[in-house]
Amino acid sequence: MSAKATSRSGLKQKISKKDNWIIRVELNGTDLNPYHRLGLTQNPFPQTGKDEWKMAELQMQKLGGDPIPADRPAEYISEVLAGFSPEFIQKCIENYRPGRIVKFEVFWPKNGVAD
């Protein structure tokens, strides 16, 4: 299976699920935590199933739980994602929308080396 992504040059390219993790990111720009109705503070389930990534995934998933402070979203996202790549942090900041829950996918190479 593969998905299509647009590269920086605007050209469509195939993204192989065999070679890449597809990480789903949620950013909560609302006033409510959607996981509270389930008795949770955030999505507790890992996406990759890799133990060595568990803490990083839970750290990232915090952004989809409690609301991101509307008065300082960029700073909050940067604080929560401390240790992640600057490019990933910037992508999250750019996708944040006040008043909405935004969901998007990021393709991460399974070998850990981004193109």
Protein backbone atom coordinates (compact mmCIF):
# COMPACT_ATOMS: atom_id res chain seq x y z
CA MET A 1 0.00 0.00 0.00
CA SER A 2 1.08 3.51 -0.58
CA ALA A 3 -0.20 7.02 -0.11
CA LYS A 4 0.55 10.12 -2.13
CA ALA A 5 2.20 13.19 -0.72
CA THR A 6 3.22 16.47 -2.22
CA SER A 7 6.90 17.21 -1.95
CA ARG A 8 8.29 20.69 -1.34
CA SER A 9 8.61 21.10 -5.09
CA GLY A 10 4.88 20.40 -5.49
CA LEU A 11 5.38 17.09 -7.30
CA LYS A 12 3.31 14.10 -6.22
CA GLN A 13 5.34 11.23 -4.89
CA LYS A 14 4.43 7.79 -3.63
CA ILE A 15 4.84 7.21 0.10
CA SER A 16 5.31 3.54 0.88
CA LYS A 17 3.72 2.36 4.14
CA LYS A 18 6.31 -0.39 4.12
CA ASP A 19 9.15 2.13 4.44
CA ASN A 20 7.44 4.86 6.47
CA TRP A 21 5.41 5.29 9.63
CA ILE A 22 2.24 7.28 9.16
CA ILE A 23 1.85 9.29 12.34
CA ARG A 24 -1.52 10.94 12.97
CA VAL A 25 -1.26 14.26 14.76
CA GLU A 26 -4.14 15.97 16.58
CA LEU A 27 -4.05 19.59 17.69
CA ASN A 28 -6.84 20.69 20.06
CA GLY A 29 -7.67 24.35 19.52
CA THR A 30 -11.06 24.08 21.26
CA ASP A 31 -11.99 24.82 24.87
CA LEU A 32 -12.77 21.18 25.74
CA ASN A 33 -10.75 17.99 26.02
CA PRO A 34 -12.48 15.39 23.77
CA TYR A 35 -10.99 12.52 25.79
CA HIS A 36 -12.57 13.57 29.11
CA ARG A 37 -15.88 11.96 28.08
CA LEU A 38 -13.97 8.66 27.95
CA GLY A 39 -12.37 9.24 31.35
CA LEU A 40 -8.97 9.96 29.76
CA THR A 41 -6.76 13.03 29.45
CA GLN A 42 -5.42 12.15 25.97
CA ASN A 43 -5.24 9.32 23.45
CA PRO A 44 -3.30 6.64 25.38
CA PHE A 45 -2.66 4.31 22.45
CA PRO A 46 0.69 4.23 20.66
CA GLN A 47 0.69 4.39 16.88
CA THR A 48 3.90 2.60 16.00
CA GLY A 49 3.91 -0.19 18.56
CA LYS A 50 7.60 0.50 19.20
CA ASP A 51 8.45 0.66 22.88
CA GLU A 52 11.35 3.05 22.30
CA TRP A 53 8.93 5.60 20.76
CA LYS A 54 6.17 5.25 23.35
CA MET A 55 7.09 8.29 25.45
CA ALA A 56 7.57 10.51 22.39
CA GLU A 57 4.19 9.42 21.02
CA LEU A 58 2.43 10.13 24.31
CA GLN A 59 4.19 13.51 24.46
CA MET A 60 2.94 14.33 20.94
CA GLN A 61 -0.59 13.08 21.70
CA LYS A 62 -0.84 15.56 24.56
CA LEU A 63 -1.56 18.20 21.91
CA GLY A 64 -4.86 16.47 21.06
CA GLY A 65 -6.04 16.25 24.67
CA ASP A 66 -6.14 19.33 26.86
CA PRO A 67 -6.78 22.52 24.88
CA ILE A 68 -3.75 24.35 23.51
CA PRO A 69 -3.69 27.79 25.18
CA ALA A 70 -5.09 30.27 22.64
CA ASP A 71 -2.94 33.10 23.97
CA ARG A 72 0.37 31.31 23.27
CA PRO A 73 -0.12 28.35 20.92
CA ALA A 74 3.33 28.44 19.30
CA GLU A 75 5.16 28.53 22.62
CA TYR A 76 2.99 25.77 24.10
CA ILE A 77 3.42 23.49 21.08
CA SER A 78 7.20 24.08 21.17
CA GLU A 79 7.31 23.26 24.90
CA VAL A 80 5.28 20.05 24.54
CA LEU A 81 7.34 18.91 21.55
CA ALA A 82 10.74 19.73 23.06
CA GLY A 83 13.19 17.21 21.59
CA PHE A 84 11.31 16.79 18.29
CA SER A 85 12.74 18.15 15.05
CA PRO A 86 12.28 21.89 14.41
CA GLU A 87 10.55 21.03 11.11
CA PHE A 88 7.95 18.87 12.87
CA ILE A 89 7.34 21.51 15.53
CA GLN A 90 6.90 24.17 12.84
CA LYS A 91 4.45 21.96 10.92
CA CYS A 92 2.36 21.59 14.07
CA ILE A 93 2.42 25.34 14.72
CA GLU A 94 1.37 26.04 11.13
CA ASN A 95 -1.52 23.53 11.30
CA TYR A 96 -2.94 24.79 14.63
CA ARG A 97 -6.35 26.47 14.29
CA PRO A 98 -8.08 28.20 17.22
CA GLY A 99 -11.55 26.81 17.88
CA ARG A 100 -10.95 23.57 15.96
CA ILE A 101 -9.44 20.14 16.38
CA VAL A 102 -7.05 19.69 13.48
CA LYS A 103 -5.90 16.23 12.40
CA PHE A 104 -3.17 15.56 9.88
CA GLU A 105 -0.68 12.85 8.97
CA VAL A 106 3.09 12.97 8.96
CA PHE A 107 5.16 10.40 7.11
CA TRP A 108 8.26 9.37 9.05
CA PRO A 109 10.88 7.01 7.61
CA LYS A 110 11.07 3.73 9.55
CA ASN A 111 14.86 3.90 9.29
CA GLY A 112 14.71 7.21 11.19
CA VAL A 113 16.36 9.22 8.42
CA ALA A 114 14.21 11.93 6.85
CA ASP A 115 14.77 12.94 3.24
